[in-house]
Amino acid sequence: MIRQSALAGILPLVLCCSLAAQSPPTIEPVVPYEASETDLAILPLGTPGSASQLKAGARCHETKARTAQVVLRWSTASPVAGGTQRVDISPLRDGFATDRYSTTRLLPAAIDAVGLESGDAGINYYWRVLTATPDGWLSSPVERFEVPVCPFDEVDPGQFPTSAPAGVGTGNEGGAS
């Protein structure tokens, strides 16, 4: 049984970007995959034209405590103008075979990277890029990335009161018991 937190917390926001983009990436949602009759078939792995050179980079966010950032990058043989692709992500090794994964919206063919801003710390995620063709989806090889365990290095101001409420001791009263 898949952990709901793994899919629900799997990166609710995806930042889409191109390696050549100069402006900040836009935020994209990742949603659980739901099969439908209008889905294109996924063609056998290794079909020419699929995305390749998949690379993942993961690190802790510089300003948000306990938040990981993951960037997924790939190359597409020859992006077709007006073509589409999507990125599928699963915390389960067999998630794609059993339809237990999340997916991005349809992305333009010119996109060659997505950024992810959260996920379950220490969990391995599997990902692939699907490229749409008239015959079906071309699947890239499946790759894996691990979400880092990011430390909690600071106390959020206002999280802890600086003084105890009236009638509550601080534990440093020093009286005899």
C-alpha atoms as a PDB file:
ATOM      1  CA  MET A   1       0.000   0.000   0.000  1.00  0.00           C
ATOM      2  CA  ILE A   2       1.374   3.378  -0.942  1.00  0.00           C
ATOM      3  CA  ARG A   3       1.841   5.918   1.793  1.00  0.00           C
ATOM      4  CA  GLN A   4      -0.468   8.821   1.132  1.00  0.00           C
ATOM      5  CA  SER A   5       2.071  11.211   2.606  1.00  0.00           C
ATOM      6  CA  ALA A   6       4.625  10.068   0.058  1.00  0.00           C
ATOM      7  CA  LEU A   7       2.430  11.047  -2.877  1.00  0.00           C
ATOM      8  CA  ALA A   8       0.595  13.940  -1.263  1.00  0.00           C
ATOM      9  CA  GLY A   9       3.804  15.375   0.150  1.00  0.00           C
ATOM     10  CA  ILE A  10       5.811  14.505  -2.941  1.00  0.00           C
ATOM     11  CA  LEU A  11       6.514  17.858  -4.104  1.00  0.00           C
ATOM     12  CA  PRO A  12       3.177  19.551  -4.258  1.00  0.00           C
ATOM     13  CA  LEU A  13       4.847  22.308  -6.232  1.00  0.00           C
ATOM     14  CA  VAL A  14       7.109  21.824  -9.185  1.00  0.00           C
ATOM     15  CA  LEU A  15       9.109  24.656 -10.612  1.00  0.00           C
ATOM     16  CA  CYS A  16       9.360  24.408 -14.381  1.00  0.00           C
ATOM     17  CA  CYS A  17      12.302  25.844 -16.057  1.00  0.00           C
ATOM     18  CA  SER A  18      14.520  25.587 -19.091  1.00  0.00           C
ATOM     19  CA  LEU A  19      18.280  25.482 -18.768  1.00  0.00           C
ATOM     20  CA  ALA A  20      18.372  28.547 -20.993  1.00  0.00           C
ATOM     21  CA  ALA A  21      15.710  30.453 -19.023  1.00  0.00           C
ATOM     22  CA  GLN A  22      16.822  33.762 -17.535  1.00  0.00           C
ATOM     23  CA  SER A  23      13.676  34.543 -15.542  1.00  0.00           C
ATOM     24  CA  PRO A  24      12.553  32.725 -12.377  1.00  0.00           C
ATOM     25  CA  PRO A  25      10.731  29.452 -13.080  1.00  0.00           C
ATOM     26  CA  THR A  26       6.968  29.221 -12.796  1.00  0.00           C
ATOM     27  CA  ILE A  27       5.363  27.000 -10.168  1.00  0.00           C
ATOM     28  CA  GLU A  28       3.617  23.850 -11.395  1.00  0.00           C
ATOM     29  CA  PRO A  29       1.547  21.328  -9.401  1.00  0.00           C
ATOM     30  CA  VAL A  30       2.268  17.596  -9.252  1.00  0.00           C
ATOM     31  CA  VAL A  31      -0.867  15.481  -9.012  1.00  0.00           C
ATOM     32  CA  PRO A  32      -1.481  11.758  -8.495  1.00  0.00           C
ATOM     33  CA  TYR A  33      -1.797   9.926 -11.823  1.00  0.00           C
ATOM     34  CA  GLU A  34      -5.275   8.695 -12.729  1.00  0.00           C
ATOM     35  CA  ALA A  35      -5.655   6.405 -15.731  1.00  0.00           C
ATOM     36  CA  SER A  36      -8.258   7.366 -18.333  1.00  0.00           C
ATOM     37  CA  GLU A  37      -9.451   5.917 -21.618  1.00  0.00           C
ATOM     38  CA  THR A  38      -7.954   8.865 -23.515  1.00  0.00           C
ATOM     39  CA  ASP A  39      -4.405   8.169 -22.278  1.00  0.00           C
ATOM     40  CA  LEU A  40      -1.813   7.485 -24.921  1.00  0.00           C
ATOM     41  CA  ALA A  41      -0.076   4.129 -24.619  1.00  0.00           C
ATOM     42  CA  ILE A  42       3.452   4.128 -23.233  1.00  0.00           C
ATOM     43  CA  LEU A  43       5.778   2.754 -25.905  1.00  0.00           C
ATOM     44  CA  PRO A  44       8.495   0.194 -25.092  1.00  0.00           C
ATOM     45  CA  LEU A  45      11.580   1.544 -23.341  1.00  0.00           C
ATOM     46  CA  GLY A  46      14.398   2.359 -25.725  1.00  0.00           C
ATOM     47  CA  THR A  47      12.188   3.651 -28.533  1.00  0.00           C
ATOM     48  CA  PRO A  48      14.253   6.274 -30.414  1.00  0.00           C
ATOM     49  CA  GLY A  49      13.410   9.882 -29.620  1.00  0.00           C
ATOM     50  CA  SER A  50      12.853   9.503 -25.892  1.00  0.00           C
ATOM     51  CA  ALA A  51      14.446  11.839 -23.364  1.00  0.00           C
ATOM     52  CA  SER A  52      17.933  10.864 -22.252  1.00  0.00           C
ATOM     53  CA  GLN A  53      20.790  11.968 -20.019  1.00  0.00           C
ATOM     54  CA  LEU A  54      18.527  12.253 -16.987  1.00  0.00           C
ATOM     55  CA  LYS A  55      20.260  13.915 -14.043  1.00  0.00           C
ATOM     56  CA  ALA A  56      19.007  14.829 -10.583  1.00  0.00           C
ATOM     57  CA  GLY A  57      20.580  17.221  -8.121  1.00  0.00           C
ATOM     58  CA  ALA A  58      19.303  17.508  -4.549  1.00  0.00           C
ATOM     59  CA  ARG A  59      20.271  19.859  -1.738  1.00  0.00           C
ATOM     60  CA  CYS A  60      18.807  21.569   1.297  1.00  0.00           C
ATOM     61  CA  HIS A  61      17.072  24.892   0.726  1.00  0.00           C
ATOM     62  CA  GLU A  62      19.247  27.827   1.715  1.00  0.00           C
ATOM     63  CA  THR A  63      16.526  29.787   3.513  1.00  0.00           C
ATOM     64  CA  LYS A  64      13.742  27.317   4.410  1.00  0.00           C
ATOM     65  CA  ALA A  65      14.520  24.979   7.304  1.00  0.00           C
ATOM     66  CA  ARG A  66      13.880  21.272   6.664  1.00  0.00           C
ATOM     67  CA  THR A  67      13.081  21.894   2.991  1.00  0.00           C
ATOM     68  CA  ALA A  68      14.839  20.114   0.153  1.00  0.00           C
ATOM     69  CA  GLN A  69      15.255  21.327  -3.406  1.00  0.00           C
ATOM     70  CA  VAL A  70      15.623  18.838  -6.228  1.00  0.00           C
ATOM     71  CA  VAL A  71      16.339  19.729  -9.849  1.00  0.00           C
ATOM     72  CA  LEU A  72      15.605  17.125 -12.530  1.00  0.00           C
ATOM     73  CA  ARG A  73      17.289  17.728 -15.915  1.00  0.00           C
ATOM     74  CA  TRP A  74      17.204  15.822 -19.195  1.00  0.00           C
ATOM     75  CA  SER A  75      17.919  16.082 -22.897  1.00  0.00           C
ATOM     76  CA  THR A  76      15.389  15.501 -25.637  1.00  0.00           C
ATOM     77  CA  ALA A  77      16.637  14.228 -29.005  1.00  0.00           C
ATOM     78  CA  SER A  78      14.856  16.861 -31.109  1.00  0.00           C
ATOM     79  CA  PRO A  79      12.014  18.739 -29.433  1.00  0.00           C
ATOM     80  CA  VAL A  80       9.037  19.065 -31.762  1.00  0.00           C
ATOM     81  CA  ALA A  81       7.496  22.528 -31.964  1.00  0.00           C
ATOM     82  CA  GLY A  82       4.155  22.321 -30.178  1.00  0.00           C
ATOM     83  CA  GLY A  83       5.115  18.929 -28.708  1.00  0.00           C
ATOM     84  CA  THR A  84       4.447  17.989 -25.118  1.00  0.00           C
ATOM     85  CA  GLN A  85       6.078  15.993 -22.382  1.00  0.00           C
ATOM     86  CA  ARG A  86       5.540  15.293 -18.699  1.00  0.00           C
ATOM     87  CA  VAL A  87       7.569  14.122 -15.716  1.00  0.00           C
ATOM     88  CA  ASP A  88       6.332  11.187 -13.611  1.00  0.00           C
ATOM     89  CA  ILE A  89       7.581  10.682 -10.031  1.00  0.00           C
ATOM     90  CA  SER A  90       7.018   7.776  -7.633  1.00  0.00           C
ATOM     91  CA  PRO A  91       8.408   6.769  -4.235  1.00  0.00           C
ATOM     92  CA  LEU A  92       7.836   3.136  -5.220  1.00  0.00           C
ATOM     93  CA  ARG A  93      10.192   1.079  -7.378  1.00  0.00           C
ATOM     94  CA  ASP A  94       7.188  -0.477  -9.162  1.00  0.00           C
ATOM     95  CA  GLY A  95       5.086   2.715  -9.046  1.00  0.00           C
ATOM     96  CA  PHE A  96       5.004   3.204 -12.817  1.00  0.00           C
ATOM     97  CA  ALA A  97       4.043  -0.412 -13.538  1.00  0.00           C
ATOM     98  CA  THR A  98       1.246  -0.271 -10.958  1.00  0.00           C
ATOM     99  CA  ASP A  99      -0.002   3.266 -11.761  1.00  0.00           C
ATOM    100  CA  ARG A 100       1.000   4.614  -8.336  1.00  0.00           C
ATOM    101  CA  TYR A 101       2.821   7.805  -9.166  1.00  0.00           C
ATOM    102  CA  SER A 102       2.388  11.543  -9.528  1.00  0.00           C
ATOM    103  CA  THR A 103       2.812  13.543 -12.696  1.00  0.00           C
ATOM    104  CA  THR A 104       3.331  17.124 -13.794  1.00  0.00           C
ATOM    105  CA  ARG A 105       1.009  18.927 -16.142  1.00  0.00           C
ATOM    106  CA  LEU A 106       1.832  18.650 -19.836  1.00  0.00           C
ATOM    107  CA  LEU A 107       5.017  20.608 -20.424  1.00  0.00           C
ATOM    108  CA  PRO A 108       6.163  22.249 -23.662  1.00  0.00           C
ATOM    109  CA  ALA A 109       8.828  20.297 -25.544  1.00  0.00           C
ATOM    110  CA  ALA A 110      11.331  23.129 -24.977  1.00  0.00           C
ATOM    111  CA  ILE A 111      11.357  22.498 -21.200  1.00  0.00           C
ATOM    112  CA  ASP A 112      14.353  20.432 -20.144  1.00  0.00           C
ATOM    113  CA  ALA A 113      14.281  20.719 -16.345  1.00  0.00           C
ATOM    114  CA  VAL A 114      11.892  20.884 -13.413  1.00  0.00           C
ATOM    115  CA  GLY A 115      12.582  21.903  -9.844  1.00  0.00           C
ATOM    116  CA  LEU A 116      10.931  20.250  -6.869  1.00  0.00           C
ATOM    117  CA  GLU A 117      10.724  21.921  -3.488  1.00  0.00           C
ATOM    118  CA  SER A 118       9.733  19.246  -1.013  1.00  0.00           C
ATOM    119  CA  GLY A 119       9.396  15.537  -0.467  1.00  0.00           C
ATOM    120  CA  ASP A 120       9.841  13.009   2.307  1.00  0.00           C
ATOM    121  CA  ALA A 121      13.371  13.317   3.676  1.00  0.00           C
ATOM    122  CA  GLY A 122      15.600  10.313   3.080  1.00  0.00           C
ATOM    123  CA  ILE A 123      13.180   8.697   0.617  1.00  0.00           C
ATOM    124  CA  ASN A 124      14.273   7.471  -2.814  1.00  0.00           C
ATOM    125  CA  TYR A 125      12.039   8.674  -5.630  1.00  0.00           C
ATOM    126  CA  TYR A 126      11.966   7.251  -9.138  1.00  0.00           C
ATOM    127  CA  TRP A 127      11.322   9.491 -12.128  1.00  0.00           C
ATOM    128  CA  ARG A 128      10.988   9.418 -15.869  1.00  0.00           C
ATOM    129  CA  VAL A 129      10.209  11.819 -18.696  1.00  0.00           C
ATOM    130  CA  LEU A 130       7.444  10.952 -21.167  1.00  0.00           C
ATOM    131  CA  THR A 131       7.398  12.614 -24.588  1.00  0.00           C
ATOM    132  CA  ALA A 132       4.137  12.590 -26.577  1.00  0.00           C
ATOM    133  CA  THR A 133       4.098  11.279 -30.158  1.00  0.00           C
ATOM    134  CA  PRO A 134       1.183  10.333 -32.436  1.00  0.00           C
ATOM    135  CA  ASP A 135       1.898   6.666 -31.600  1.00  0.00           C
ATOM    136  CA  GLY A 136       2.013   7.137 -27.809  1.00  0.00           C
ATOM    137  CA  TRP A 137       4.311   8.286 -25.025  1.00  0.00           C
ATOM    138  CA  LEU A 138       8.052   7.732 -25.438  1.00  0.00           C
ATOM    139  CA  SER A 139       9.461   6.873 -22.021  1.00  0.00           C
ATOM    140  CA  SER A 140      12.936   7.777 -20.888  1.00  0.00           C
ATOM    141  CA  PRO A 141      14.832   5.303 -18.738  1.00  0.00           C
ATOM    142  CA  VAL A 142      13.770   5.463 -15.082  1.00  0.00           C
ATOM    143  CA  GLU A 143      16.229   7.201 -12.781  1.00  0.00           C
ATOM    144  CA  ARG A 144      16.338   7.644  -9.010  1.00  0.00           C
ATOM    145  CA  PHE A 145      17.021  10.513  -6.626  1.00  0.00           C
ATOM    146  CA  GLU A 146      17.041  10.756  -2.852  1.00  0.00           C
ATOM    147  CA  VAL A 147      15.536  13.681  -0.980  1.00  0.00           C
ATOM    148  CA  PRO A 148      18.159  14.851   1.515  1.00  0.00           C
ATOM    149  CA  VAL A 149      17.512  15.051   5.239  1.00  0.00           C
ATOM    150  CA  CYS A 150      17.715  18.776   5.878  1.00  0.00           C
ATOM    151  CA  PRO A 151      18.539  19.979   9.395  1.00  0.00           C
ATOM    152  CA  PHE A 152      16.522  22.369  11.474  1.00  0.00           C
ATOM    153  CA  ASP A 153      19.174  24.961  12.206  1.00  0.00           C
ATOM    154  CA  GLU A 154      17.176  27.914  13.421  1.00  0.00           C
ATOM    155  CA  VAL A 155      14.238  28.814  15.597  1.00  0.00           C
ATOM    156  CA  ASP A 156      11.491  30.676  13.820  1.00  0.00           C
ATOM    157  CA  PRO A 157      10.926  33.998  15.626  1.00  0.00           C
ATOM    158  CA  GLY A 158       7.584  33.874  17.374  1.00  0.00           C
ATOM    159  CA  GLN A 159       7.558  30.086  17.526  1.00  0.00           C
ATOM    160  CA  PHE A 160       8.552  30.080  21.194  1.00  0.00           C
ATOM    161  CA  PRO A 161       7.447  32.779  23.619  1.00  0.00           C
ATOM    162  CA  THR A 162      10.272  34.761  25.192  1.00  0.00           C
ATOM    163  CA  SER A 163       8.532  34.788  28.545  1.00  0.00           C
ATOM    164  CA  ALA A 164       6.230  32.312  30.235  1.00  0.00           C
ATOM    165  CA  PRO A 165       2.511  33.086  30.518  1.00  0.00           C
ATOM    166  CA  ALA A 166       1.284  34.193  33.967  1.00  0.00           C
ATOM    167  CA  GLY A 167       1.147  31.297  36.450  1.00  0.00           C
ATOM    168  CA  VAL A 168       3.485  29.057  34.442  1.00  0.00           C
ATOM    169  CA  GLY A 169       6.980  28.436  35.747  1.00  0.00           C
ATOM    170  CA  THR A 170      10.038  28.400  33.537  1.00  0.00           C
ATOM    171  CA  GLY A 171      11.652  25.538  35.436  1.00  0.00           C
ATOM    172  CA  ASN A 172      14.373  27.835  36.780  1.00  0.00           C
ATOM    173  CA  GLU A 173      12.610  28.983  39.937  1.00  0.00           C
ATOM    174  CA  GLY A 174      15.340  27.446  42.131  1.00  0.00           C
ATOM    175  CA  GLY A 175      13.129  26.804  45.147  1.00  0.00           C
ATOM    176  CA  ALA A 176      13.563  23.803  47.441  1.00  0.00           C
ATOM    177  CA  SER A 177      11.280  20.875  46.973  1.00  0.00           C
END
